[in-house]
Amino acid sequence: MGANDTDSTVISECIVLGIPIIDRQHANLIRITNNLNFACQKGLDTANLRFINAVNEAVDYVKYHFSTEEKLMVLLEYPELIQHKREHGDFVWEIICCAKQFEEGQELVPEKFAAFLGKWIYTHIASSDKMFADYFGGMNHHSKLRLILGGRPQLSANYA
Protein backbone atom coordinates (compact mmCIF):
# COMPACT_ATOMS: atom_id res chain seq x y z
CA MET A 1 0.00 0.00 0.00
CA GLY A 2 1.53 3.32 -1.06
CA ALA A 3 1.38 6.59 0.82
CA ASN A 4 -1.56 7.73 -1.24
CA ASP A 5 -3.51 4.49 -0.90
CA THR A 6 -4.34 4.82 2.80
CA ASP A 7 -8.02 4.07 3.42
CA SER A 8 -9.28 5.80 6.56
CA THR A 9 -12.10 3.27 6.97
CA VAL A 10 -9.68 0.36 7.10
CA ILE A 11 -7.36 2.26 9.44
CA SER A 12 -10.23 3.27 11.71
CA GLU A 13 -11.44 -0.30 12.00
CA CYS A 14 -8.06 -1.72 12.91
CA ILE A 15 -7.28 0.79 15.68
CA VAL A 16 -10.41 0.74 17.82
CA LEU A 17 -8.94 -0.51 21.06
CA GLY A 18 -11.83 0.03 23.45
CA ILE A 19 -10.08 2.70 25.51
CA PRO A 20 -12.08 5.80 24.55
CA ILE A 21 -9.46 8.44 25.29
CA ILE A 22 -6.81 6.54 23.33
CA ASP A 23 -9.20 5.78 20.47
CA ARG A 24 -10.05 9.49 20.13
CA GLN A 25 -6.38 10.40 20.04
CA HIS A 26 -5.66 7.74 17.43
CA ALA A 27 -8.51 9.12 15.33
CA ASN A 28 -6.70 12.46 15.35
CA LEU A 29 -3.55 10.83 13.97
CA ILE A 30 -5.64 9.23 11.24
CA ARG A 31 -7.03 12.67 10.38
CA ILE A 32 -3.49 14.10 10.17
CA THR A 33 -2.41 11.21 7.95
CA ASN A 34 -5.43 11.39 5.67
CA ASN A 35 -5.08 15.16 5.26
CA LEU A 36 -1.43 14.79 4.30
CA ASN A 37 -2.23 11.96 1.87
CA PHE A 38 -4.93 14.10 0.26
CA ALA A 39 -2.51 17.04 -0.05
CA CYS A 40 0.10 14.78 -1.65
CA GLN A 41 -2.43 13.85 -4.31
CA LYS A 42 -3.00 17.55 -5.06
CA GLY A 43 0.60 18.22 -6.05
CA LEU A 44 3.97 19.26 -4.70
CA ASP A 45 3.08 22.78 -3.55
CA THR A 46 0.00 21.63 -1.66
CA ALA A 47 1.91 18.68 -0.20
CA ASN A 48 4.73 20.92 1.00
CA LEU A 49 2.34 23.36 2.66
CA ARG A 50 0.37 20.57 4.32
CA PHE A 51 3.58 18.85 5.43
CA ILE A 52 4.49 21.78 7.65
CA ASN A 53 1.07 21.61 9.32
CA ALA A 54 1.26 17.82 9.57
CA VAL A 55 4.61 17.98 11.38
CA ASN A 56 3.29 20.58 13.82
CA GLU A 57 0.18 18.50 14.45
CA ALA A 58 2.29 15.34 14.86
CA VAL A 59 4.41 17.11 17.47
CA ASP A 60 1.26 18.15 19.34
CA TYR A 61 -0.04 14.58 19.01
CA VAL A 62 3.17 13.21 20.52
CA LYS A 63 2.95 15.59 23.46
CA TYR A 64 -0.52 14.61 24.61
CA HIS A 65 -0.98 11.11 23.23
CA PHE A 66 2.30 9.53 24.27
CA SER A 67 1.97 11.15 27.68
CA THR A 68 -1.57 9.80 28.11
CA GLU A 69 -0.64 6.32 26.97
CA GLU A 70 2.52 6.11 29.06
CA LYS A 71 0.76 7.39 32.20
CA LEU A 72 -1.86 4.67 31.80
CA MET A 73 0.87 2.09 31.35
CA VAL A 74 2.74 3.25 34.46
CA LEU A 75 -0.43 3.29 36.58
CA LEU A 76 -1.38 -0.19 35.44
CA GLU A 77 2.19 -1.50 35.69
CA TYR A 78 2.25 -2.57 32.05
CA PRO A 79 5.17 -5.01 31.66
CA GLU A 80 6.05 -3.85 28.12
CA LEU A 81 6.31 -0.15 29.05
CA ILE A 82 10.02 0.21 28.27
CA GLN A 83 9.69 -1.31 24.78
CA HIS A 84 6.59 0.78 24.12
CA LYS A 85 8.41 3.97 25.13
CA ARG A 86 11.24 3.00 22.74
CA GLU A 87 8.73 2.79 19.91
CA HIS A 88 7.41 6.21 20.86
CA GLY A 89 10.98 7.51 20.77
CA ASP A 90 11.37 6.08 17.25
CA PHE A 91 8.27 8.00 16.17
CA VAL A 92 9.70 11.26 17.54
CA TRP A 93 13.01 10.56 15.80
CA GLU A 94 11.20 10.06 12.49
CA ILE A 95 9.44 13.41 12.86
CA ILE A 96 12.78 15.10 13.50
CA CYS A 97 14.43 13.36 10.53
CA CYS A 98 11.62 14.23 8.13
CA ALA A 99 11.58 17.86 9.26
CA LYS A 100 15.34 18.07 8.73
CA GLN A 101 15.11 16.45 5.29
CA PHE A 102 12.39 18.92 4.34
CA GLU A 103 14.49 21.88 5.52
CA GLU A 104 17.40 20.56 3.45
CA GLY A 105 15.18 20.55 0.36
CA GLN A 106 15.02 16.81 -0.15
CA GLU A 107 12.28 15.71 -2.50
CA LEU A 108 9.15 13.73 -1.66
CA VAL A 109 9.45 14.28 2.09
CA PRO A 110 5.69 14.82 2.53
CA GLU A 111 5.00 11.53 0.72
CA LYS A 112 7.60 9.72 2.83
CA PHE A 113 6.12 11.14 6.01
CA ALA A 114 2.58 10.19 4.96
CA ALA A 115 3.79 6.66 4.25
CA PHE A 116 5.51 6.54 7.64
CA LEU A 117 2.34 7.68 9.42
CA GLY A 118 0.27 5.09 7.59
CA LYS A 119 2.74 2.36 8.44
CA TRP A 120 2.80 3.51 12.09
CA ILE A 121 -0.97 3.17 12.27
CA TYR A 122 -0.84 -0.36 10.91
CA THR A 123 2.17 -1.53 12.89
CA HIS A 124 2.40 0.31 16.19
CA ILE A 125 -1.25 1.04 16.89
CA ALA A 126 -2.72 -2.17 15.51
CA SER A 127 -0.02 -4.26 17.18
CA SER A 128 1.77 -2.67 20.14
CA ASP A 129 -1.15 -0.55 21.28
CA LYS A 130 -3.48 -3.51 20.78
CA MET A 131 -1.31 -5.55 23.15
CA PHE A 132 -1.70 -2.82 25.76
CA ALA A 133 -5.45 -2.64 25.14
CA ASP A 134 -5.69 -6.38 25.74
CA TYR A 135 -3.73 -5.98 28.97
CA PHE A 136 -5.89 -2.99 29.94
CA GLY A 137 -9.07 -4.94 29.23
CA GLY A 138 -7.93 -7.80 31.41
CA MET A 139 -7.20 -5.59 34.39
CA ASN A 140 -9.04 -6.27 37.60
CA HIS A 141 -7.77 -3.06 39.22
CA HIS A 142 -11.12 -1.28 39.05
CA SER A 143 -10.07 1.40 41.55
CA LYS A 144 -7.14 2.31 39.29
CA LEU A 145 -9.42 2.33 36.26
CA ARG A 146 -11.83 4.70 38.00
CA LEU A 147 -8.95 7.01 38.84
CA ILE A 148 -7.62 6.90 35.27
CA LEU A 149 -11.01 7.36 33.63
CA GLY A 150 -12.10 10.21 35.86
CA GLY A 151 -14.23 8.50 38.47
CA ARG A 152 -16.25 6.01 36.48
CA PRO A 153 -15.36 3.23 34.06
CA GLN A 154 -15.96 4.15 30.42
CA LEU A 155 -14.84 0.94 28.81
CA SER A 156 -16.43 -0.25 25.61
CA ALA A 157 -18.68 -3.30 25.61
CA ASN A 158 -15.62 -5.42 24.79
CA TYR A 159 -14.07 -4.56 28.14
CA ALA A 160 -17.11 -4.20 30.40
C-alpha atoms as a PDB file:
ATOM      1  CA  MET A   1       0.000   0.000   0.000  1.00  0.00           C
ATOM      2  CA  GLY A   2       1.527   3.317  -1.057  1.00  0.00           C
ATOM      3  CA  ALA A   3       1.383   6.589   0.825  1.00  0.00           C
ATOM      4  CA  ASN A   4      -1.565   7.732  -1.244  1.00  0.00           C
ATOM      5  CA  ASP A   5      -3.511   4.492  -0.897  1.00  0.00           C
ATOM      6  CA  THR A   6      -4.335   4.823   2.798  1.00  0.00           C
ATOM      7  CA  ASP A   7      -8.018   4.074   3.424  1.00  0.00           C
ATOM      8  CA  SER A   8      -9.282   5.797   6.561  1.00  0.00           C
ATOM      9  CA  THR A   9     -12.098   3.272   6.969  1.00  0.00           C
ATOM     10  CA  VAL A  10      -9.675   0.363   7.099  1.00  0.00           C
ATOM     11  CA  ILE A  11      -7.364   2.265   9.444  1.00  0.00           C
ATOM     12  CA  SER A  12     -10.234   3.269  11.715  1.00  0.00           C
ATOM     13  CA  GLU A  13     -11.439  -0.296  12.003  1.00  0.00           C
ATOM     14  CA  CYS A  14      -8.058  -1.715  12.911  1.00  0.00           C
ATOM     15  CA  ILE A  15      -7.285   0.793  15.683  1.00  0.00           C
ATOM     16  CA  VAL A  16     -10.413   0.741  17.819  1.00  0.00           C
ATOM     17  CA  LEU A  17      -8.940  -0.513  21.060  1.00  0.00           C
ATOM     18  CA  GLY A  18     -11.834   0.031  23.451  1.00  0.00           C
ATOM     19  CA  ILE A  19     -10.078   2.703  25.505  1.00  0.00           C
ATOM     20  CA  PRO A  20     -12.079   5.800  24.547  1.00  0.00           C
ATOM     21  CA  ILE A  21      -9.456   8.445  25.293  1.00  0.00           C
ATOM     22  CA  ILE A  22      -6.806   6.542  23.335  1.00  0.00           C
ATOM     23  CA  ASP A  23      -9.197   5.781  20.470  1.00  0.00           C
ATOM     24  CA  ARG A  24     -10.053   9.489  20.130  1.00  0.00           C
ATOM     25  CA  GLN A  25      -6.376  10.401  20.038  1.00  0.00           C
ATOM     26  CA  HIS A  26      -5.656   7.739  17.430  1.00  0.00           C
ATOM     27  CA  ALA A  27      -8.511   9.119  15.326  1.00  0.00           C
ATOM     28  CA  ASN A  28      -6.699  12.462  15.347  1.00  0.00           C
ATOM     29  CA  LEU A  29      -3.550  10.834  13.969  1.00  0.00           C
ATOM     30  CA  ILE A  30      -5.645   9.232  11.237  1.00  0.00           C
ATOM     31  CA  ARG A  31      -7.034  12.667  10.384  1.00  0.00           C
ATOM     32  CA  ILE A  32      -3.494  14.104  10.167  1.00  0.00           C
ATOM     33  CA  THR A  33      -2.407  11.205   7.952  1.00  0.00           C
ATOM     34  CA  ASN A  34      -5.426  11.385   5.669  1.00  0.00           C
ATOM     35  CA  ASN A  35      -5.084  15.157   5.262  1.00  0.00           C
ATOM     36  CA  LEU A  36      -1.430  14.790   4.301  1.00  0.00           C
ATOM     37  CA  ASN A  37      -2.232  11.960   1.873  1.00  0.00           C
ATOM     38  CA  PHE A  38      -4.928  14.101   0.256  1.00  0.00           C
ATOM     39  CA  ALA A  39      -2.506  17.043  -0.050  1.00  0.00           C
ATOM     40  CA  CYS A  40       0.101  14.781  -1.655  1.00  0.00           C
ATOM     41  CA  GLN A  41      -2.433  13.847  -4.306  1.00  0.00           C
ATOM     42  CA  LYS A  42      -3.002  17.554  -5.055  1.00  0.00           C
ATOM     43  CA  GLY A  43       0.603  18.215  -6.055  1.00  0.00           C
ATOM     44  CA  LEU A  44       3.970  19.257  -4.703  1.00  0.00           C
ATOM     45  CA  ASP A  45       3.078  22.781  -3.548  1.00  0.00           C
ATOM     46  CA  THR A  46      -0.004  21.626  -1.660  1.00  0.00           C
ATOM     47  CA  ALA A  47       1.908  18.682  -0.198  1.00  0.00           C
ATOM     48  CA  ASN A  48       4.726  20.915   1.002  1.00  0.00           C
ATOM     49  CA  LEU A  49       2.336  23.358   2.659  1.00  0.00           C
ATOM     50  CA  ARG A  50       0.371  20.568   4.317  1.00  0.00           C
ATOM     51  CA  PHE A  51       3.578  18.846   5.434  1.00  0.00           C
ATOM     52  CA  ILE A  52       4.493  21.778   7.648  1.00  0.00           C
ATOM     53  CA  ASN A  53       1.075  21.608   9.324  1.00  0.00           C
ATOM     54  CA  ALA A  54       1.263  17.821   9.575  1.00  0.00           C
ATOM     55  CA  VAL A  55       4.606  17.980  11.377  1.00  0.00           C
ATOM     56  CA  ASN A  56       3.294  20.579  13.823  1.00  0.00           C
ATOM     57  CA  GLU A  57       0.180  18.496  14.449  1.00  0.00           C
ATOM     58  CA  ALA A  58       2.286  15.338  14.865  1.00  0.00           C
ATOM     59  CA  VAL A  59       4.412  17.112  17.473  1.00  0.00           C
ATOM     60  CA  ASP A  60       1.262  18.146  19.343  1.00  0.00           C
ATOM     61  CA  TYR A  61      -0.041  14.582  19.008  1.00  0.00           C
ATOM     62  CA  VAL A  62       3.167  13.215  20.519  1.00  0.00           C
ATOM     63  CA  LYS A  63       2.952  15.593  23.463  1.00  0.00           C
ATOM     64  CA  TYR A  64      -0.516  14.614  24.606  1.00  0.00           C
ATOM     65  CA  HIS A  65      -0.981  11.109  23.229  1.00  0.00           C
ATOM     66  CA  PHE A  66       2.297   9.527  24.271  1.00  0.00           C
ATOM     67  CA  SER A  67       1.966  11.146  27.685  1.00  0.00           C
ATOM     68  CA  THR A  68      -1.571   9.802  28.107  1.00  0.00           C
ATOM     69  CA  GLU A  69      -0.637   6.317  26.970  1.00  0.00           C
ATOM     70  CA  GLU A  70       2.519   6.107  29.061  1.00  0.00           C
ATOM     71  CA  LYS A  71       0.762   7.391  32.201  1.00  0.00           C
ATOM     72  CA  LEU A  72      -1.856   4.672  31.798  1.00  0.00           C
ATOM     73  CA  MET A  73       0.874   2.094  31.353  1.00  0.00           C
ATOM     74  CA  VAL A  74       2.737   3.246  34.464  1.00  0.00           C
ATOM     75  CA  LEU A  75      -0.434   3.288  36.581  1.00  0.00           C
ATOM     76  CA  LEU A  76      -1.385  -0.190  35.442  1.00  0.00           C
ATOM     77  CA  GLU A  77       2.189  -1.505  35.686  1.00  0.00           C
ATOM     78  CA  TYR A  78       2.254  -2.572  32.053  1.00  0.00           C
ATOM     79  CA  PRO A  79       5.173  -5.006  31.659  1.00  0.00           C
ATOM     80  CA  GLU A  80       6.054  -3.851  28.118  1.00  0.00           C
ATOM     81  CA  LEU A  81       6.306  -0.152  29.045  1.00  0.00           C
ATOM     82  CA  ILE A  82      10.021   0.208  28.271  1.00  0.00           C
ATOM     83  CA  GLN A  83       9.686  -1.305  24.782  1.00  0.00           C
ATOM     84  CA  HIS A  84       6.593   0.783  24.124  1.00  0.00           C
ATOM     85  CA  LYS A  85       8.413   3.969  25.126  1.00  0.00           C
ATOM     86  CA  ARG A  86      11.244   3.004  22.738  1.00  0.00           C
ATOM     87  CA  GLU A  87       8.735   2.787  19.909  1.00  0.00           C
ATOM     88  CA  HIS A  88       7.408   6.214  20.857  1.00  0.00           C
ATOM     89  CA  GLY A  89      10.983   7.508  20.769  1.00  0.00           C
ATOM     90  CA  ASP A  90      11.374   6.082  17.253  1.00  0.00           C
ATOM     91  CA  PHE A  91       8.273   8.001  16.174  1.00  0.00           C
ATOM     92  CA  VAL A  92       9.695  11.255  17.538  1.00  0.00           C
ATOM     93  CA  TRP A  93      13.010  10.562  15.804  1.00  0.00           C
ATOM     94  CA  GLU A  94      11.203  10.060  12.485  1.00  0.00           C
ATOM     95  CA  ILE A  95       9.436  13.408  12.864  1.00  0.00           C
ATOM     96  CA  ILE A  96      12.782  15.103  13.497  1.00  0.00           C
ATOM     97  CA  CYS A  97      14.430  13.358  10.531  1.00  0.00           C
ATOM     98  CA  CYS A  98      11.620  14.234   8.131  1.00  0.00           C
ATOM     99  CA  ALA A  99      11.577  17.856   9.256  1.00  0.00           C
ATOM    100  CA  LYS A 100      15.344  18.072   8.726  1.00  0.00           C
ATOM    101  CA  GLN A 101      15.107  16.449   5.286  1.00  0.00           C
ATOM    102  CA  PHE A 102      12.389  18.920   4.335  1.00  0.00           C
ATOM    103  CA  GLU A 103      14.486  21.882   5.521  1.00  0.00           C
ATOM    104  CA  GLU A 104      17.397  20.565   3.448  1.00  0.00           C
ATOM    105  CA  GLY A 105      15.184  20.552   0.361  1.00  0.00           C
ATOM    106  CA  GLN A 106      15.024  16.805  -0.147  1.00  0.00           C
ATOM    107  CA  GLU A 107      12.279  15.706  -2.499  1.00  0.00           C
ATOM    108  CA  LEU A 108       9.155  13.729  -1.659  1.00  0.00           C
ATOM    109  CA  VAL A 109       9.455  14.281   2.085  1.00  0.00           C
ATOM    110  CA  PRO A 110       5.689  14.818   2.525  1.00  0.00           C
ATOM    111  CA  GLU A 111       5.001  11.534   0.722  1.00  0.00           C
ATOM    112  CA  LYS A 112       7.597   9.715   2.827  1.00  0.00           C
ATOM    113  CA  PHE A 113       6.119  11.145   6.012  1.00  0.00           C
ATOM    114  CA  ALA A 114       2.584  10.195   4.965  1.00  0.00           C
ATOM    115  CA  ALA A 115       3.789   6.661   4.250  1.00  0.00           C
ATOM    116  CA  PHE A 116       5.510   6.540   7.637  1.00  0.00           C
ATOM    117  CA  LEU A 117       2.343   7.684   9.419  1.00  0.00           C
ATOM    118  CA  GLY A 118       0.269   5.094   7.586  1.00  0.00           C
ATOM    119  CA  LYS A 119       2.739   2.361   8.441  1.00  0.00           C
ATOM    120  CA  TRP A 120       2.801   3.512  12.089  1.00  0.00           C
ATOM    121  CA  ILE A 121      -0.969   3.169  12.273  1.00  0.00           C
ATOM    122  CA  TYR A 122      -0.840  -0.364  10.909  1.00  0.00           C
ATOM    123  CA  THR A 123       2.172  -1.532  12.894  1.00  0.00           C
ATOM    124  CA  HIS A 124       2.400   0.313  16.194  1.00  0.00           C
ATOM    125  CA  ILE A 125      -1.245   1.044  16.886  1.00  0.00           C
ATOM    126  CA  ALA A 126      -2.718  -2.168  15.508  1.00  0.00           C
ATOM    127  CA  SER A 127      -0.017  -4.262  17.177  1.00  0.00           C
ATOM    128  CA  SER A 128       1.775  -2.672  20.141  1.00  0.00           C
ATOM    129  CA  ASP A 129      -1.153  -0.554  21.280  1.00  0.00           C
ATOM    130  CA  LYS A 130      -3.476  -3.513  20.776  1.00  0.00           C
ATOM    131  CA  MET A 131      -1.313  -5.552  23.149  1.00  0.00           C
ATOM    132  CA  PHE A 132      -1.704  -2.816  25.761  1.00  0.00           C
ATOM    133  CA  ALA A 133      -5.448  -2.638  25.145  1.00  0.00           C
ATOM    134  CA  ASP A 134      -5.688  -6.379  25.737  1.00  0.00           C
ATOM    135  CA  TYR A 135      -3.728  -5.979  28.975  1.00  0.00           C
ATOM    136  CA  PHE A 136      -5.894  -2.994  29.944  1.00  0.00           C
ATOM    137  CA  GLY A 137      -9.072  -4.944  29.227  1.00  0.00           C
ATOM    138  CA  GLY A 138      -7.932  -7.802  31.407  1.00  0.00           C
ATOM    139  CA  MET A 139      -7.201  -5.586  34.388  1.00  0.00           C
ATOM    140  CA  ASN A 140      -9.044  -6.265  37.601  1.00  0.00           C
ATOM    141  CA  HIS A 141      -7.774  -3.060  39.224  1.00  0.00           C
ATOM    142  CA  HIS A 142     -11.117  -1.280  39.048  1.00  0.00           C
ATOM    143  CA  SER A 143     -10.075   1.396  41.548  1.00  0.00           C
ATOM    144  CA  LYS A 144      -7.138   2.306  39.292  1.00  0.00           C
ATOM    145  CA  LEU A 145      -9.417   2.327  36.261  1.00  0.00           C
ATOM    146  CA  ARG A 146     -11.832   4.695  38.001  1.00  0.00           C
ATOM    147  CA  LEU A 147      -8.950   7.010  38.840  1.00  0.00           C
ATOM    148  CA  ILE A 148      -7.625   6.896  35.275  1.00  0.00           C
ATOM    149  CA  LEU A 149     -11.006   7.363  33.631  1.00  0.00           C
ATOM    150  CA  GLY A 150     -12.102  10.213  35.864  1.00  0.00           C
ATOM    151  CA  GLY A 151     -14.235   8.497  38.470  1.00  0.00           C
ATOM    152  CA  ARG A 152     -16.255   6.007  36.485  1.00  0.00           C
ATOM    153  CA  PRO A 153     -15.356   3.229  34.059  1.00  0.00           C
ATOM    154  CA  GLN A 154     -15.956   4.146  30.415  1.00  0.00           C
ATOM    155  CA  LEU A 155     -14.841   0.944  28.806  1.00  0.00           C
ATOM    156  CA  SER A 156     -16.426  -0.252  25.614  1.00  0.00           C
ATOM    157  CA  ALA A 157     -18.675  -3.297  25.613  1.00  0.00           C
ATOM    158  CA  ASN A 158     -15.620  -5.416  24.794  1.00  0.00           C
ATOM    159  CA  TYR A 159     -14.072  -4.559  28.143  1.00  0.00           C
ATOM    160  CA  ALA A 160     -17.110  -4.203  30.402  1.00  0.00           C
END
